[in-house]
PDB file of N, CA and C in Angstrom:
ATOM      1  N   MET A   1      -3.589   5.609   8.316  1.00  0.00           N
ATOM      2  CA  MET A   1      -3.430   4.652   7.727  1.00  0.00           C
ATOM      3  C   MET A   1      -1.803   4.346   7.853  1.00  0.00           C
ATOM      4  N   ALA A   2      -1.221   5.192   8.547  1.00  0.00           N
ATOM      5  CA  ALA A   2       0.077   4.946   8.510  1.00  0.00           C
ATOM      6  C   ALA A   2       0.920   3.729   9.352  1.00  0.00           C
ATOM      7  N   ASP A   3       0.037   3.352  10.245  1.00  0.00           N
ATOM      8  CA  ASP A   3       0.347   2.426  11.353  1.00  0.00           C
ATOM      9  C   ASP A   3       0.279   1.054  10.490  1.00  0.00           C
ATOM     10  N   LEU A   4      -0.458   1.027   9.197  1.00  0.00           N
ATOM     11  CA  LEU A   4      -0.824   0.054   8.610  1.00  0.00           C
ATOM     12  C   LEU A   4       0.471  -0.496   7.942  1.00  0.00           C
ATOM     13  N   VAL A   5       1.181   0.458   7.851  1.00  0.00           N
ATOM     14  CA  VAL A   5       2.251   0.362   6.747  1.00  0.00           C
ATOM     15  C   VAL A   5       3.527  -0.627   7.588  1.00  0.00           C
ATOM     16  N   LYS A   6       3.419  -0.882   8.596  1.00  0.00           N
ATOM     17  CA  LYS A   6       3.866  -1.630   9.891  1.00  0.00           C
ATOM     18  C   LYS A   6       3.216  -2.803  10.197  1.00  0.00           C
ATOM     19  N   PHE A   7       1.800  -2.716   9.934  1.00  0.00           N
ATOM     20  CA  PHE A   7       0.994  -3.940  10.669  1.00  0.00           C
ATOM     21  C   PHE A   7       1.781  -5.098  10.232  1.00  0.00           C
ATOM     22  N   ASP A   8       1.980  -5.536   8.822  1.00  0.00           N
ATOM     23  CA  ASP A   8       2.490  -6.617   8.575  1.00  0.00           C
ATOM     24  C   ASP A   8       3.259  -6.787   7.307  1.00  0.00           C
ATOM     25  N   LYS A   9       4.183  -7.376   7.367  1.00  0.00           N
ATOM     26  CA  LYS A   9       5.594  -7.345   5.967  1.00  0.00           C
ATOM     27  C   LYS A   9       4.724  -7.570   4.779  1.00  0.00           C
ATOM     28  N   ARG A  10       3.672  -7.978   4.695  1.00  0.00           N
ATOM     29  CA  ARG A  10       2.944  -8.353   3.427  1.00  0.00           C
ATOM     30  C   ARG A  10       2.345  -6.875   2.985  1.00  0.00           C
ATOM     31  N   VAL A  11       2.279  -5.567   3.809  1.00  0.00           N
ATOM     32  CA  VAL A  11       1.551  -4.952   3.362  1.00  0.00           C
ATOM     33  C   VAL A  11       2.239  -4.145   2.683  1.00  0.00           C
ATOM     34  N   GLU A  12       1.832  -3.682   1.788  1.00  0.00           N
ATOM     35  CA  GLU A  12       2.826  -2.230   0.966  1.00  0.00           C
ATOM     36  C   GLU A  12       1.709  -1.458   0.559  1.00  0.00           C
ATOM     37  N   PHE A  13       1.950  -0.099   0.866  1.00  0.00           N
ATOM     38  CA  PHE A  13       0.868   0.994  -0.072  1.00  0.00           C
ATOM     39  C   PHE A  13       1.595   1.608  -0.648  1.00  0.00           C
ATOM     40  N   ILE A  14       0.952   1.896  -1.925  1.00  0.00           N
ATOM     41  CA  ILE A  14       1.487   2.587  -2.980  1.00  0.00           C
ATOM     42  C   ILE A  14       0.180   3.504  -3.644  1.00  0.00           C
ATOM     43  N   VAL A  15       1.034   4.739  -3.698  1.00  0.00           N
ATOM     44  CA  VAL A  15      -0.316   5.697  -4.657  1.00  0.00           C
ATOM     45  C   VAL A  15       0.086   5.858  -5.906  1.00  0.00           C
ATOM     46  N   VAL A  16      -1.307   5.546  -6.880  1.00  0.00           N
ATOM     47  CA  VAL A  16      -0.675   5.552  -7.968  1.00  0.00           C
ATOM     48  C   VAL A  16      -1.845   6.749  -8.394  1.00  0.00           C
ATOM     49  N   SER A  17      -0.708   7.892  -9.337  1.00  0.00           N
ATOM     50  CA  SER A  17      -1.509   9.251  -9.507  1.00  0.00           C
ATOM     51  C   SER A  17      -1.008   9.760 -11.077  1.00  0.00           C
ATOM     52  N   ASP A  18      -1.413  10.462 -11.621  1.00  0.00           N
ATOM     53  CA  ASP A  18      -0.745  11.028 -12.699  1.00  0.00           C
ATOM     54  C   ASP A  18       0.167  12.157 -12.511  1.00  0.00           C
ATOM     55  N   ALA A  19       0.331  12.260 -11.377  1.00  0.00           N
ATOM     56  CA  ALA A  19       1.554  13.277 -11.257  1.00  0.00           C
ATOM     57  C   ALA A  19       1.922  13.126  -9.633  1.00  0.00           C
ATOM     58  N   THR A  20       3.029  12.649  -9.633  1.00  0.00           N
ATOM     59  CA  THR A  20       3.558  12.485  -7.503  1.00  0.00           C
ATOM     60  C   THR A  20       3.926  13.897  -7.179  1.00  0.00           C
ATOM     61  N   LEU A  21       3.936  14.811  -7.977  1.00  0.00           N
ATOM     62  CA  LEU A  21       4.583  16.112  -7.105  1.00  0.00           C
ATOM     63  C   LEU A  21       3.168  16.478  -5.973  1.00  0.00           C
ATOM     64  N   GLY A  22       3.826  17.282  -5.088  1.00  0.00           N
ATOM     65  CA  GLY A  22       2.840  16.847  -4.224  1.00  0.00           C
ATOM     66  C   GLY A  22       2.399  15.937  -3.380  1.00  0.00           C
ATOM     67  N   LEU A  23       3.006  14.851  -3.915  1.00  0.00           N
ATOM     68  CA  LEU A  23       3.034  13.500  -2.789  1.00  0.00           C
ATOM     69  C   LEU A  23       4.286  12.721  -2.242  1.00  0.00           C
ATOM     70  N   GLU A  24       5.427  13.827  -2.400  1.00  0.00           N
ATOM     71  CA  GLU A  24       6.770  13.458  -2.015  1.00  0.00           C
ATOM     72  C   GLU A  24       6.651  12.725  -0.040  1.00  0.00           C
ATOM     73  N   HIS A  25       5.924  13.683   0.442  1.00  0.00           N
ATOM     74  CA  HIS A  25       5.936  13.562   2.052  1.00  0.00           C
ATOM     75  C   HIS A  25       5.513  12.057   2.124  1.00  0.00           C
ATOM     76  N   LEU A  26       4.863  11.544   1.775  1.00  0.00           N
ATOM     77  CA  LEU A  26       4.552   9.868   1.770  1.00  0.00           C
ATOM     78  C   LEU A  26       5.511   8.864   1.775  1.00  0.00           C
ATOM     79  N   GLU A  27       6.747   9.454   1.068  1.00  0.00           N
ATOM     80  CA  GLU A  27       7.805   8.636   1.735  1.00  0.00           C
ATOM     81  C   GLU A  27       8.072   8.386   3.191  1.00  0.00           C
ATOM     82  N   ALA A  28       7.867   9.089   3.590  1.00  0.00           N
ATOM     83  CA  ALA A  28       8.418   9.139   5.142  1.00  0.00           C
ATOM     84  C   ALA A  28       7.612   8.239   6.162  1.00  0.00           C
ATOM     85  N   TYR A  29       6.256   8.066   5.570  1.00  0.00           N
ATOM     86  CA  TYR A  29       5.628   7.079   6.201  1.00  0.00           C
ATOM     87  C   TYR A  29       5.394   5.632   5.457  1.00  0.00           C
ATOM     88  N   GLY A  30       6.533   5.685   4.476  1.00  0.00           N
ATOM     89  CA  GLY A  30       6.910   3.806   3.497  1.00  0.00           C
ATOM     90  C   GLY A  30       5.980   4.349   2.596  1.00  0.00           C
ATOM     91  N   VAL A  31       5.134   4.918   1.881  1.00  0.00           N
ATOM     92  CA  VAL A  31       4.213   4.836   0.574  1.00  0.00           C
ATOM     93  C   VAL A  31       5.120   5.135  -0.554  1.00  0.00           C
ATOM     94  N   LYS A  32       4.805   4.146  -1.036  1.00  0.00           N
ATOM     95  CA  LYS A  32       5.474   4.768  -2.564  1.00  0.00           C
ATOM     96  C   LYS A  32       4.652   5.246  -3.237  1.00  0.00           C
ATOM     97  N   THR A  33       4.767   5.764  -4.293  1.00  0.00           N
ATOM     98  CA  THR A  33       4.137   6.365  -5.554  1.00  0.00           C
ATOM     99  C   THR A  33       4.561   6.103  -7.062  1.00  0.00           C
ATOM    100  N   VAL A  34       3.748   5.929  -7.720  1.00  0.00           N
ATOM    101  CA  VAL A  34       3.709   5.635  -8.987  1.00  0.00           C
ATOM    102  C   VAL A  34       3.312   6.611  -9.921  1.00  0.00           C
ATOM    103  N   ALA A  35       3.843   7.304 -10.549  1.00  0.00           N
ATOM    104  CA  ALA A  35       3.006   8.622 -11.575  1.00  0.00           C
ATOM    105  C   ALA A  35       3.043   7.713 -12.834  1.00  0.00           C
ATOM    106  N   VAL A  36       1.733   7.887 -13.691  1.00  0.00           N
ATOM    107  CA  VAL A  36       1.376   7.580 -15.026  1.00  0.00           C
ATOM    108  C   VAL A  36       1.619   8.484 -15.818  1.00  0.00           C
ATOM    109  N   PRO A  37       2.608   7.972 -16.898  1.00  0.00           N
ATOM    110  CA  PRO A  37       2.822   9.158 -17.606  1.00  0.00           C
ATOM    111  C   PRO A  37       1.701   9.974 -18.617  1.00  0.00           C
ATOM    112  N   PRO A  38       1.772  11.099 -18.741  1.00  0.00           N
ATOM    113  CA  PRO A  38       0.938  11.714 -19.694  1.00  0.00           C
ATOM    114  C   PRO A  38       0.423  11.167 -21.008  1.00  0.00           C
ATOM    115  N   ASP A  39       1.520  10.324 -21.694  1.00  0.00           N
ATOM    116  CA  ASP A  39       1.058   9.847 -22.577  1.00  0.00           C
ATOM    117  C   ASP A  39       0.872   8.627 -23.041  1.00  0.00           C
ATOM    118  N   TYR A  40       0.689   7.994 -21.707  1.00  0.00           N
ATOM    119  CA  TYR A  40       0.373   6.729 -21.764  1.00  0.00           C
ATOM    120  C   TYR A  40      -1.254   6.555 -21.973  1.00  0.00           C
ATOM    121  N   THR A  41      -1.683   5.826 -22.996  1.00  0.00           N
ATOM    122  CA  THR A  41      -2.809   5.852 -23.384  1.00  0.00           C
ATOM    123  C   THR A  41      -3.409   4.366 -23.888  1.00  0.00           C
ATOM    124  N   PRO A  42      -3.766   3.370 -22.964  1.00  0.00           N
ATOM    125  CA  PRO A  42      -4.440   2.362 -23.600  1.00  0.00           C
ATOM    126  C   PRO A  42      -5.552   2.245 -24.509  1.00  0.00           C
ATOM    127  N   VAL A  43      -5.826   1.363 -25.165  1.00  0.00           N
ATOM    128  CA  VAL A  43      -7.001   0.930 -26.292  1.00  0.00           C
ATOM    129  C   VAL A  43      -8.416   1.550 -25.053  1.00  0.00           C
ATOM    130  N   LYS A  44      -8.494   0.690 -24.404  1.00  0.00           N
ATOM    131  CA  LYS A  44      -9.694   0.490 -23.719  1.00  0.00           C
ATOM    132  C   LYS A  44      -9.813   1.036 -22.195  1.00  0.00           C
ATOM    133  N   ALA A  45      -8.735   1.562 -21.689  1.00  0.00           N
ATOM    134  CA  ALA A  45      -9.004   1.975 -20.450  1.00  0.00           C
ATOM    135  C   ALA A  45      -8.912   3.797 -20.400  1.00  0.00           C
ATOM    136  N   LYS A  46      -9.938   4.186 -19.471  1.00  0.00           N
ATOM    137  CA  LYS A  46      -9.557   5.802 -19.236  1.00  0.00           C
ATOM    138  C   LYS A  46      -9.728   5.942 -17.717  1.00  0.00           C
ATOM    139  N   PHE A  47      -9.136   7.248 -17.479  1.00  0.00           N
ATOM    140  CA  PHE A  47      -9.323   7.550 -16.192  1.00  0.00           C
ATOM    141  C   PHE A  47      -8.988   6.644 -15.147  1.00  0.00           C
ATOM    142  N   LYS A  48      -9.413   6.439 -13.905  1.00  0.00           N
ATOM    143  CA  LYS A  48      -8.948   5.464 -12.567  1.00  0.00           C
ATOM    144  C   LYS A  48      -8.480   4.129 -13.521  1.00  0.00           C
ATOM    145  N   ALA A  49      -9.067   3.837 -14.258  1.00  0.00           N
ATOM    146  CA  ALA A  49      -8.876   2.385 -15.192  1.00  0.00           C
ATOM    147  C   ALA A  49      -7.531   2.535 -15.830  1.00  0.00           C
ATOM    148  N   ARG A  50      -7.725   3.847 -16.482  1.00  0.00           N
ATOM    149  CA  ARG A  50      -5.893   3.940 -17.070  1.00  0.00           C
ATOM    150  C   ARG A  50      -4.708   3.875 -15.992  1.00  0.00           C
ATOM    151  N   ALA A  51      -4.796   4.377 -15.025  1.00  0.00           N
ATOM    152  CA  ALA A  51      -4.000   4.251 -13.923  1.00  0.00           C
ATOM    153  C   ALA A  51      -3.876   2.987 -13.142  1.00  0.00           C
ATOM    154  N   LEU A  52      -4.825   2.435 -13.557  1.00  0.00           N
ATOM    155  CA  LEU A  52      -4.567   0.870 -12.718  1.00  0.00           C
ATOM    156  C   LEU A  52      -4.074   0.235 -13.383  1.00  0.00           C
ATOM    157  N   GLU A  53      -4.065   0.316 -15.063  1.00  0.00           N
ATOM    158  CA  GLU A  53      -3.784  -0.690 -16.145  1.00  0.00           C
ATOM    159  C   GLU A  53      -2.110  -0.339 -15.969  1.00  0.00           C
ATOM    160  N   TYR A  54      -2.145   1.108 -15.858  1.00  0.00           N
ATOM    161  CA  TYR A  54      -0.427   1.456 -15.841  1.00  0.00           C
ATOM    162  C   TYR A  54       0.338   0.683 -14.713  1.00  0.00           C
ATOM    163  N   PHE A  55      -0.673   0.837 -13.414  1.00  0.00           N
ATOM    164  CA  PHE A  55      -0.104  -0.147 -12.229  1.00  0.00           C
ATOM    165  C   PHE A  55       0.237  -1.459 -12.447  1.00  0.00           C
ATOM    166  N   ARG A  56      -0.976  -2.141 -13.035  1.00  0.00           N
ATOM    167  CA  ARG A  56      -0.722  -3.525 -13.128  1.00  0.00           C
ATOM    168  C   ARG A  56       0.459  -4.000 -13.904  1.00  0.00           C
ATOM    169  N   LEU A  57       0.697  -3.121 -15.313  1.00  0.00           N
ATOM    170  CA  LEU A  57       1.782  -3.612 -15.834  1.00  0.00           C
ATOM    171  C   LEU A  57       2.855  -3.097 -15.590  1.00  0.00           C
ATOM    172  N   GLN A  58       3.177  -2.242 -14.752  1.00  0.00           N
ATOM    173  CA  GLN A  58       4.485  -1.705 -14.442  1.00  0.00           C
ATOM    174  C   GLN A  58       4.724  -2.561 -13.164  1.00  0.00           C
ATOM    175  N   MET A  59       3.934  -3.398 -12.215  1.00  0.00           N
ATOM    176  CA  MET A  59       4.287  -4.124 -11.220  1.00  0.00           C
ATOM    177  C   MET A  59       5.066  -5.557 -11.645  1.00  0.00           C
ATOM    178  N   LYS A  60       4.506  -6.260 -12.885  1.00  0.00           N
ATOM    179  CA  LYS A  60       4.439  -7.326 -13.041  1.00  0.00           C
ATOM    180  C   LYS A  60       4.374  -8.489 -11.738  1.00  0.00           C
ATOM    181  N   PHE A  61       3.115  -8.326 -11.683  1.00  0.00           N
ATOM    182  CA  PHE A  61       2.695  -9.232 -10.527  1.00  0.00           C
ATOM    183  C   PHE A  61       2.711 -10.665 -10.612  1.00  0.00           C
ATOM    184  N   GLY A  62       2.978 -11.428  -9.347  1.00  0.00           N
ATOM    185  CA  GLY A  62       3.411 -12.798  -9.484  1.00  0.00           C
ATOM    186  C   GLY A  62       2.130 -13.414  -9.224  1.00  0.00           C
ATOM    187  N   PRO A  63       1.963 -15.025  -8.844  1.00  0.00           N
ATOM    188  CA  PRO A  63       0.576 -15.495  -8.870  1.00  0.00           C
ATOM    189  C   PRO A  63       0.441 -15.304  -7.214  1.00  0.00           C
ATOM    190  N   ASP A  64       1.121 -15.148  -6.451  1.00  0.00           N
ATOM    191  CA  ASP A  64       0.577 -14.968  -5.367  1.00  0.00           C
ATOM    192  C   ASP A  64       0.878 -13.688  -4.873  1.00  0.00           C
ATOM    193  N   ASP A  65       0.659 -12.764  -5.438  1.00  0.00           N
ATOM    194  CA  ASP A  65       0.302 -11.090  -4.939  1.00  0.00           C
ATOM    195  C   ASP A  65      -0.996 -11.012  -5.317  1.00  0.00           C
ATOM    196  N   TRP A  66      -1.379 -10.085  -4.361  1.00  0.00           N
ATOM    197  CA  TRP A  66      -2.551  -9.649  -4.730  1.00  0.00           C
ATOM    198  C   TRP A  66      -2.786  -8.204  -4.366  1.00  0.00           C
ATOM    199  N   VAL A  67      -3.641  -7.513  -4.989  1.00  0.00           N
ATOM    200  CA  VAL A  67      -3.966  -6.107  -4.809  1.00  0.00           C
ATOM    201  C   VAL A  67      -5.423  -5.520  -4.177  1.00  0.00           C
ATOM    202  N   LEU A  68      -5.287  -4.700  -3.178  1.00  0.00           N
ATOM    203  CA  LEU A  68      -6.721  -4.186  -2.368  1.00  0.00           C
ATOM    204  C   LEU A  68      -6.602  -2.438  -3.029  1.00  0.00           C
ATOM    205  N   HIS A  69      -7.413  -2.448  -4.388  1.00  0.00           N
ATOM    206  CA  HIS A  69      -7.594  -1.163  -4.788  1.00  0.00           C
ATOM    207  C   HIS A  69      -8.432  -0.342  -3.625  1.00  0.00           C
ATOM    208  N   LEU A  70      -7.962   0.791  -3.471  1.00  0.00           N
ATOM    209  CA  LEU A  70      -8.564   1.718  -2.448  1.00  0.00           C
ATOM    210  C   LEU A  70      -8.657   3.351  -3.589  1.00  0.00           C
ATOM    211  N   ASP A  71      -9.653   3.743  -3.167  1.00  0.00           N
ATOM    212  CA  ASP A  71      -9.782   5.230  -3.913  1.00  0.00           C
ATOM    213  C   ASP A  71      -9.510   6.102  -2.796  1.00  0.00           C
ATOM    214  N   GLU A  72      -9.390   7.370  -2.996  1.00  0.00           N
ATOM    215  CA  GLU A  72      -8.976   8.619  -2.276  1.00  0.00           C
ATOM    216  C   GLU A  72      -9.679   8.848  -1.090  1.00  0.00           C
ATOM    217  N   GLU A  73     -11.123   8.068  -1.377  1.00  0.00           N
ATOM    218  CA  GLU A  73     -12.441   8.233   0.118  1.00  0.00           C
ATOM    219  C   GLU A  73     -12.431   6.945   1.014  1.00  0.00           C
ATOM    220  N   THR A  74     -11.253   6.027   0.434  1.00  0.00           N
ATOM    221  CA  THR A  74     -11.353   5.080   1.818  1.00  0.00           C
ATOM    222  C   THR A  74     -10.436   5.246   2.641  1.00  0.00           C
ATOM    223  N   PHE A  75     -10.927   4.294   4.030  1.00  0.00           N
ATOM    224  CA  PHE A  75     -10.327   4.258   5.128  1.00  0.00           C
ATOM    225  C   PHE A  75     -10.507   2.872   5.709  1.00  0.00           C
ATOM    226  N   ILE A  76      -8.920   2.459   5.988  1.00  0.00           N
ATOM    227  CA  ILE A  76      -9.129   1.072   6.648  1.00  0.00           C
ATOM    228  C   ILE A  76      -8.600   1.051   7.677  1.00  0.00           C
ATOM    229  N   ASP A  77      -8.682  -0.217   8.722  1.00  0.00           N
ATOM    230  CA  ASP A  77      -7.958  -0.229   9.809  1.00  0.00           C
ATOM    231  C   ASP A  77      -7.648  -1.553   9.925  1.00  0.00           C
ATOM    232  N   GLU A  78      -6.878  -2.080  11.383  1.00  0.00           N
ATOM    233  CA  GLU A  78      -6.299  -3.410  11.234  1.00  0.00           C
ATOM    234  C   GLU A  78      -7.368  -4.548  10.942  1.00  0.00           C
ATOM    235  N   HIS A  79      -8.314  -4.185  11.374  1.00  0.00           N
ATOM    236  CA  HIS A  79      -9.883  -5.036  11.402  1.00  0.00           C
ATOM    237  C   HIS A  79     -10.088  -5.564   9.944  1.00  0.00           C
ATOM    238  N   CYS A  80     -10.009  -4.349   9.065  1.00  0.00           N
ATOM    239  CA  CYS A  80     -10.406  -4.527   8.081  1.00  0.00           C
ATOM    240  C   CYS A  80      -9.293  -5.100   6.966  1.00  0.00           C
ATOM    241  N   LEU A  81      -8.145  -4.871   7.498  1.00  0.00           N
ATOM    242  CA  LEU A  81      -6.543  -5.768   6.878  1.00  0.00           C
ATOM    243  C   LEU A  81      -6.872  -7.003   7.061  1.00  0.00           C
ATOM    244  N   CYS A  82      -6.921  -7.511   8.686  1.00  0.00           N
ATOM    245  CA  CYS A  82      -7.426  -8.741   8.871  1.00  0.00           C
ATOM    246  C   CYS A  82      -7.946  -9.810   8.336  1.00  0.00           C
ATOM    247  N   THR A  83      -9.333  -9.089   7.876  1.00  0.00           N
ATOM    248  CA  THR A  83     -10.651  -9.267   7.281  1.00  0.00           C
ATOM    249  C   THR A  83     -10.118  -9.745   5.907  1.00  0.00           C
ATOM    250  N   CYS A  84      -9.492  -8.992   5.459  1.00  0.00           N
ATOM    251  CA  CYS A  84      -8.922  -9.518   4.013  1.00  0.00           C
ATOM    252  C   CYS A  84      -7.810 -10.269   4.016  1.00  0.00           C
ATOM    253  N   PHE A  85      -6.776 -10.586   4.893  1.00  0.00           N
ATOM    254  CA  PHE A  85      -5.994 -11.684   4.658  1.00  0.00           C
ATOM    255  C   PHE A  85      -6.673 -12.917   5.169  1.00  0.00           C
ATOM    256  N   ASP A  86      -7.581 -12.857   5.907  1.00  0.00           N
ATOM    257  CA  ASP A  86      -8.630 -14.153   6.090  1.00  0.00           C
ATOM    258  C   ASP A  86      -9.075 -14.935   4.651  1.00  0.00           C
ATOM    259  N   TRP A  87      -9.660 -13.748   3.964  1.00  0.00           N
ATOM    260  CA  TRP A  87     -10.320 -14.069   2.963  1.00  0.00           C
ATOM    261  C   TRP A  87      -9.251 -14.852   1.921  1.00  0.00           C
ATOM    262  N   LEU A  88      -8.460 -13.826   1.622  1.00  0.00           N
ATOM    263  CA  LEU A  88      -7.155 -14.349   0.865  1.00  0.00           C
ATOM    264  C   LEU A  88      -6.569 -15.488   1.173  1.00  0.00           C
ATOM    265  N   GLU A  89      -6.536 -15.957   2.770  1.00  0.00           N
ATOM    266  CA  GLU A  89      -6.214 -17.295   2.951  1.00  0.00           C
ATOM    267  C   GLU A  89      -6.975 -18.543   2.668  1.00  0.00           C
ATOM    268  N   ARG A  90      -8.232 -18.376   2.592  1.00  0.00           N
ATOM    269  CA  ARG A  90      -9.579 -19.191   2.360  1.00  0.00           C
ATOM    270  C   ARG A  90      -9.722 -19.316   1.238  1.00  0.00           C
ATOM    271  N   ALA A  91      -9.683 -18.541   0.464  1.00  0.00           N
ATOM    272  CA  ALA A  91     -10.168 -18.131  -1.181  1.00  0.00           C
ATOM    273  C   ALA A  91      -9.764 -18.226  -2.256  1.00  0.00           C
ATOM    274  N   VAL A  92      -9.104 -19.717  -2.069  1.00  0.00           N
ATOM    275  CA  VAL A  92      -7.837 -20.180  -3.193  1.00  0.00           C
ATOM    276  C   VAL A  92      -8.311 -20.073  -4.262  1.00  0.00           C
ATOM    277  N   GLU A  93      -9.364 -20.587  -4.684  1.00  0.00           N
ATOM    278  CA  GLU A  93     -10.077 -20.717  -6.114  1.00  0.00           C
ATOM    279  C   GLU A  93     -10.531 -19.244  -6.604  1.00  0.00           C
ATOM    280  N   TYR A  94     -10.422 -18.465  -6.004  1.00  0.00           N
ATOM    281  CA  TYR A  94     -11.006 -17.302  -6.537  1.00  0.00           C
ATOM    282  C   TYR A  94      -9.839 -16.186  -7.174  1.00  0.00           C
ATOM    283  N   ASP A  95      -9.775 -16.053  -8.365  1.00  0.00           N
ATOM    284  CA  ASP A  95      -8.901 -14.787  -8.460  1.00  0.00           C
ATOM    285  C   ASP A  95      -9.170 -13.249  -8.291  1.00  0.00           C
ATOM    286  N   TYR A  96     -10.584 -13.336  -8.025  1.00  0.00           N
ATOM    287  CA  TYR A  96     -10.990 -11.436  -7.818  1.00  0.00           C
ATOM    288  C   TYR A  96     -11.904 -11.707  -6.430  1.00  0.00           C
ATOM    289  N   GLY A  97     -12.227 -10.545  -5.736  1.00  0.00           N
ATOM    290  CA  GLY A  97     -12.876 -10.478  -4.827  1.00  0.00           C
ATOM    291  C   GLY A  97     -13.417  -8.874  -4.614  1.00  0.00           C
ATOM    292  N   GLN A  98     -14.640  -9.086  -4.292  1.00  0.00           N
ATOM    293  CA  GLN A  98     -15.449  -7.545  -3.855  1.00  0.00           C
ATOM    294  C   GLN A  98     -16.049  -7.752  -2.533  1.00  0.00           C
ATOM    295  N   ALA A  99     -16.206  -6.790  -1.842  1.00  0.00           N
ATOM    296  CA  ALA A  99     -17.058  -6.611  -0.477  1.00  0.00           C
ATOM    297  C   ALA A  99     -17.906  -5.321  -0.695  1.00  0.00           C
TER     298      ALA A  99
END
């Protein structure tokens, strides 16, 4: 997926983890990392949802921002990314999408 970082200026890869130790090499590919503090404990979120909630709050997304959540087993290519862009550009009345 390293080529996808350069695919479109709207694309940004961010790895959210409980620790960034061992992820430093990703910076060479333009991938940012966000570490969830161990003491961050939201009321209704555990495990991956806990990390995603922390990320959501830290990023302060605006009305034109979209997040494509991928887990560690997901592989995407240019076709997949173009399909996501196509859906985002057509589906203005939706706040969420799932495939």
